[in-house]
């Protein structure tokens, strides 16, 4: 494999990973899962939420949730929906 092919292969792999992250964060359940994963690395719930919401902004150019409270409502709704 040439150097150019290696670079191209890496670029394709990076784009595939980015697309997978976009697919995940686009859904409510995927965003929540990313939030739960980020909690392991964050000091607070709000910090974890902001990290994921910032990732979303970086990919889509807009925030999925306006603030922590709007996400918290969605999170509570999602939890209740699963318990039905």
Foldseek 3Di string as FASTA:
>chain_A
DDPVVVVVVVVVVVVVVLVVLQVQCVDLVSLVVQLVVQVVVDPDSQVSNVVSQVSNCVNPVDGPDPGPVRNVVSVVVVVVVVVD
